[in-house]
Amino acid sequence: MVHPRNASTVVLLRPDDSGSFEILLTRRPEAMRFLGGFYVFPGGTVHRDDFSAQTLARCRKLSGEQAREILGGDHQLDEAMGHWVAVVRELFEEVGVLLCVNEAGDDIDLADAATKRRIEQKRQAIVKKQLDFGAFLESENLFCDLSRAVYFDHWVTPEIYSMRFDTRFYVAVLPSKQIPLARSEEVTHSLWIKPMDALARMGRHDFPILPPTTTVLNNLSRHASWERLCAAFKLPCVNHQSGFGPES
């Protein structure tokens, strides 16, 4: 039996003009060993660097004690926080969205062309393992706002699979002045879609999707409005739309 690796997955959310909401789905490249070609939520393995002293020094609004308690008390304090950092890092690596603030605690502005270009170059360096995520945060004087990732579920890959993950699921609201990438090194295509619309496409050959993604979509589709969703998950109920993206 293969021992499952710790992983984190995040459902990125945004309100729409009708008072409802959309979620971001990404399609994995066909060549990927695990779920290649399938639509999933951004996420991946928790790395040791996710809970290094350098990286954790760049985290705010969640303590190790709080993280361990939320996850059930079975982790070391730094490793528990690493699950949240993995959310921030994976979301950045896959779709270029940063759940971060500056030193003053303000949202970062990725609408500025020069800033956007510089950050994108560093994102690519992180993906190529030429730059550590903690070093990136230091270089831009950014801090992970871990309160923006709200934990809500836990799934473990069945024993029959040769690759197994012990995955924690989170939800997060798309920050203002940020638009997800339409594609990246780990994403062939991404799209904003209502949970019910995604479920309606399940049977189509061009929309491959599997549990637990389908289960999460079913759970989210039970929330009739953006306000009710935010209340259920205790999310900041912002009314803006950060863009019509993903980016093309």
Protein backbone atom coordinates (compact mmCIF):
# COMPACT_ATOMS: atom_id res chain seq x y z
CA MET A 1 0.00 0.00 0.00
CA VAL A 2 1.31 3.43 -0.98
CA HIS A 3 1.45 5.91 1.89
CA PRO A 4 -0.49 9.09 0.93
CA ARG A 5 1.37 12.39 0.71
CA ASN A 6 0.01 15.50 2.41
CA ALA A 7 -1.62 17.87 -0.08
CA SER A 8 -3.75 21.01 -0.19
CA THR A 9 -6.41 22.01 -2.73
CA VAL A 10 -8.23 25.32 -3.00
CA VAL A 11 -11.56 26.29 -4.54
CA LEU A 12 -11.19 29.87 -5.76
CA LEU A 13 -14.48 31.81 -5.67
CA ARG A 14 -15.86 35.06 -7.02
CA PRO A 15 -19.33 36.67 -7.08
CA ASP A 16 -21.18 37.18 -10.34
CA ASP A 17 -23.61 39.85 -11.51
CA SER A 18 -26.69 37.77 -10.66
CA GLY A 19 -25.97 37.53 -6.92
CA SER A 20 -24.66 33.99 -7.32
CA PHE A 21 -21.03 32.89 -7.64
CA GLU A 22 -18.50 31.06 -9.80
CA ILE A 23 -15.62 28.73 -9.04
CA LEU A 24 -12.32 28.31 -10.90
CA LEU A 25 -11.61 24.93 -12.50
CA THR A 26 -8.31 24.07 -14.16
CA ARG A 27 -7.57 21.30 -16.65
CA ARG A 28 -4.39 19.33 -16.07
CA PRO A 29 -2.10 18.49 -19.00
CA GLU A 30 -2.71 15.03 -20.47
CA ALA A 31 0.89 14.00 -19.74
CA MET A 32 0.56 14.45 -15.96
CA ARG A 33 0.74 11.16 -14.05
CA PHE A 34 -2.09 11.96 -11.64
CA LEU A 35 -5.48 12.89 -13.19
CA GLY A 36 -3.89 14.00 -16.44
CA GLY A 37 -6.47 15.68 -18.67
CA PHE A 38 -9.05 16.09 -15.91
CA TYR A 39 -10.63 19.28 -14.58
CA VAL A 40 -9.63 19.89 -10.96
CA PHE A 41 -9.15 22.67 -8.43
CA PRO A 42 -5.66 24.19 -8.02
CA GLY A 43 -3.53 22.33 -5.52
CA GLY A 44 -0.69 19.93 -4.87
CA THR A 45 1.69 18.34 -2.40
CA VAL A 46 2.74 20.10 0.79
CA HIS A 47 6.50 20.69 0.45
CA ARG A 48 9.00 20.89 3.29
CA ASP A 49 9.80 24.45 2.19
CA ASP A 50 6.16 25.35 2.86
CA PHE A 51 6.89 25.21 6.58
CA SER A 52 10.49 26.37 6.63
CA ALA A 53 11.41 29.11 9.12
CA GLN A 54 11.96 31.52 6.21
CA THR A 55 8.50 30.92 4.77
CA LEU A 56 6.59 30.87 8.06
CA ALA A 57 8.17 34.20 9.00
CA ARG A 58 6.21 35.56 6.02
CA CYS A 59 2.81 34.33 7.23
CA ARG A 60 0.05 36.22 9.03
CA LYS A 61 -3.36 35.68 10.63
CA LEU A 62 -3.01 31.99 11.53
CA SER A 63 -0.92 30.45 14.30
CA GLY A 64 0.52 26.97 14.39
CA GLU A 65 -1.79 26.10 17.28
CA GLN A 66 -4.84 27.25 15.32
CA ALA A 67 -3.75 25.35 12.20
CA ARG A 68 -3.13 22.13 14.12
CA GLU A 69 -6.47 22.35 15.91
CA ILE A 70 -8.35 22.90 12.63
CA LEU A 71 -6.63 19.88 11.05
CA GLY A 72 -7.48 17.63 13.99
CA GLY A 73 -4.40 17.89 16.19
CA ASP A 74 -2.23 15.28 14.44
CA HIS A 75 0.47 17.57 13.01
CA GLN A 76 3.46 19.47 14.30
CA LEU A 77 2.73 23.20 14.53
CA ASP A 78 4.95 24.20 11.61
CA GLU A 79 3.76 21.34 9.41
CA ALA A 80 0.12 22.24 10.10
CA MET A 81 0.75 25.80 8.91
CA GLY A 82 2.48 24.37 5.85
CA HIS A 83 -0.88 23.06 4.61
CA TRP A 84 -2.12 26.65 4.35
CA VAL A 85 1.11 27.88 2.78
CA ALA A 86 0.79 25.13 0.16
CA VAL A 87 -2.59 26.61 -0.77
CA VAL A 88 -1.00 30.02 -1.34
CA ARG A 89 1.99 28.64 -3.23
CA GLU A 90 0.06 26.21 -5.44
CA LEU A 91 -2.52 28.84 -6.34
CA PHE A 92 0.29 31.17 -7.35
CA GLU A 93 2.23 28.54 -9.28
CA GLU A 94 -0.77 27.26 -11.23
CA VAL A 95 -2.84 30.38 -11.94
CA GLY A 96 -0.77 33.36 -10.76
CA VAL A 97 -3.11 34.43 -7.93
CA LEU A 98 -1.50 35.57 -4.67
CA LEU A 99 -3.34 35.37 -1.35
CA CYS A 100 -0.85 37.89 0.03
CA VAL A 101 -0.64 41.39 1.46
CA ASN A 102 2.12 43.97 1.69
CA GLU A 103 3.87 44.97 4.92
CA ALA A 104 1.06 47.41 5.77
CA GLY A 105 -1.51 44.62 5.39
CA ASP A 106 -2.99 46.02 2.18
CA ASP A 107 -3.95 44.00 -0.89
CA ILE A 108 -1.30 43.82 -3.57
CA ASP A 109 -2.00 45.37 -6.96
CA LEU A 110 -1.26 43.07 -9.88
CA ALA A 111 -3.10 45.34 -12.31
CA ASP A 112 0.07 47.42 -12.74
CA ALA A 113 1.84 46.17 -15.87
CA ALA A 114 5.42 46.42 -14.56
CA THR A 115 4.58 44.72 -11.27
CA LYS A 116 2.61 42.04 -13.06
CA ARG A 117 5.50 41.30 -15.42
CA ARG A 118 8.05 41.08 -12.58
CA ILE A 119 5.83 38.83 -10.47
CA GLU A 120 5.13 36.56 -13.44
CA GLN A 121 8.85 36.12 -14.09
CA LYS A 122 9.34 35.07 -10.47
CA ARG A 123 6.34 32.73 -10.65
CA GLN A 124 7.97 30.96 -13.57
CA ALA A 125 11.26 30.75 -11.64
CA ILE A 126 9.43 29.11 -8.71
CA VAL A 127 7.82 26.54 -11.01
CA LYS A 128 11.25 25.76 -12.51
CA LYS A 129 12.64 25.39 -8.95
CA GLN A 130 15.05 28.26 -9.54
CA LEU A 131 13.52 30.27 -6.67
CA ASP A 132 12.06 29.22 -3.32
CA PHE A 133 8.63 30.53 -2.43
CA GLY A 134 9.91 31.94 0.86
CA ALA A 135 12.72 33.78 -0.93
CA PHE A 136 10.16 35.15 -3.40
CA LEU A 137 8.04 36.52 -0.54
CA GLU A 138 11.12 38.16 0.98
CA SER A 139 12.19 39.67 -2.33
CA GLU A 140 8.77 41.32 -2.81
CA ASN A 141 8.25 42.05 0.92
CA LEU A 142 4.97 40.12 0.83
CA PHE A 143 3.14 38.18 3.53
CA CYS A 144 0.81 35.20 3.09
CA ASP A 145 -2.61 36.07 4.54
CA LEU A 146 -3.49 32.56 5.68
CA SER A 147 -6.91 33.65 6.95
CA ARG A 148 -8.02 33.91 3.32
CA ALA A 149 -7.90 30.13 2.90
CA VAL A 150 -10.80 28.57 4.83
CA TYR A 151 -10.57 24.85 5.53
CA PHE A 152 -13.69 22.77 4.85
CA ASP A 153 -12.99 19.14 3.89
CA HIS A 154 -10.56 16.20 3.95
CA TRP A 155 -10.14 13.43 1.39
CA VAL A 156 -7.64 10.55 1.07
CA THR A 157 -7.01 8.84 -2.29
CA PRO A 158 -8.25 5.20 -2.18
CA GLU A 159 -5.67 2.45 -1.66
CA ILE A 160 -6.10 1.07 -5.18
CA TYR A 161 -4.23 4.04 -6.69
CA SER A 162 -0.45 3.98 -7.20
CA MET A 163 -0.29 7.71 -6.33
CA ARG A 164 -2.12 8.68 -3.15
CA PHE A 165 -2.74 12.02 -1.43
CA ASP A 166 -4.04 12.99 1.99
CA THR A 167 -5.71 16.18 0.82
CA ARG A 168 -7.16 19.11 2.74
CA PHE A 169 -9.67 21.27 0.88
CA TYR A 170 -10.01 25.04 1.27
CA VAL A 171 -12.07 27.86 -0.20
CA ALA A 172 -10.75 31.36 -0.92
CA VAL A 173 -12.16 34.52 -2.49
CA LEU A 174 -10.36 35.90 -5.54
CA PRO A 175 -8.47 39.02 -4.38
CA SER A 176 -9.27 42.34 -5.98
CA LYS A 177 -7.03 43.53 -8.84
CA GLN A 178 -6.03 39.96 -9.72
CA ILE A 179 -7.05 37.78 -12.67
CA PRO A 180 -6.08 34.09 -12.87
CA LEU A 181 -3.92 32.89 -15.74
CA ALA A 182 -5.85 31.06 -18.46
CA ARG A 183 -2.99 28.57 -18.80
CA SER A 184 0.38 27.81 -17.25
CA GLU A 185 2.97 25.05 -16.99
CA GLU A 186 0.51 22.87 -15.02
CA VAL A 187 -2.75 24.09 -16.58
CA THR A 188 -3.84 23.66 -20.20
CA HIS A 189 -7.08 25.57 -19.68
CA SER A 190 -8.92 27.27 -16.83
CA LEU A 191 -12.42 28.65 -16.59
CA TRP A 192 -14.86 30.34 -14.24
CA ILE A 193 -18.09 28.37 -13.99
CA LYS A 194 -21.06 27.96 -11.65
CA PRO A 195 -20.99 24.65 -9.75
CA MET A 196 -24.35 23.56 -11.22
CA ASP A 197 -23.14 24.31 -14.75
CA ALA A 198 -19.99 22.25 -14.17
CA LEU A 199 -22.09 19.32 -12.90
CA ALA A 200 -24.33 19.59 -15.97
CA ARG A 201 -21.26 19.12 -18.20
CA MET A 202 -20.04 16.00 -16.37
CA GLY A 203 -21.22 13.56 -19.00
CA ARG A 204 -19.49 15.30 -21.90
CA HIS A 205 -16.31 13.77 -23.32
CA ASP A 206 -14.61 17.19 -23.35
CA PHE A 207 -15.24 17.82 -19.64
CA PRO A 208 -13.62 14.93 -17.71
CA ILE A 209 -14.16 15.29 -13.97
CA LEU A 210 -14.06 12.87 -11.03
CA PRO A 211 -14.68 12.74 -7.25
CA PRO A 212 -13.84 14.45 -4.98
CA THR A 213 -14.18 17.39 -7.39
CA THR A 214 -17.76 16.40 -8.20
CA THR A 215 -18.59 16.04 -4.49
CA VAL A 216 -17.25 19.51 -3.74
CA LEU A 217 -19.26 20.93 -6.64
CA ASN A 218 -22.41 19.27 -5.33
CA ASN A 219 -21.83 20.74 -1.87
CA LEU A 220 -21.19 24.23 -3.21
CA SER A 221 -24.23 24.12 -5.51
CA ARG A 222 -26.48 23.91 -2.45
CA HIS A 223 -25.71 27.53 -1.61
CA ALA A 224 -28.24 29.65 -3.50
CA SER A 225 -26.38 32.96 -3.41
CA TRP A 226 -23.00 34.58 -2.88
CA GLU A 227 -24.12 35.97 0.48
CA ARG A 228 -25.25 32.56 1.73
CA LEU A 229 -22.02 30.97 0.57
CA CYS A 230 -19.95 33.60 2.37
CA ALA A 231 -22.02 33.18 5.53
CA ALA A 232 -21.64 29.39 5.44
CA PHE A 233 -17.86 29.52 5.08
CA LYS A 234 -17.34 32.77 7.02
CA LEU A 235 -15.76 34.44 4.01
CA PRO A 236 -15.45 38.19 3.39
CA CYS A 237 -18.57 38.95 1.35
CA VAL A 238 -17.01 41.31 -1.19
CA ASN A 239 -19.21 42.55 -4.00
CA HIS A 240 -16.56 43.30 -6.60
CA GLN A 241 -15.66 41.17 -9.57
CA SER A 242 -11.91 41.20 -10.03
CA GLY A 243 -12.06 40.63 -13.76
CA PHE A 244 -13.82 38.73 -16.48
CA GLY A 245 -10.79 36.41 -16.88
CA PRO A 246 -9.02 34.10 -16.74
CA GLU A 247 -6.39 35.92 -18.73
CA SER A 248 -6.09 35.08 -22.36
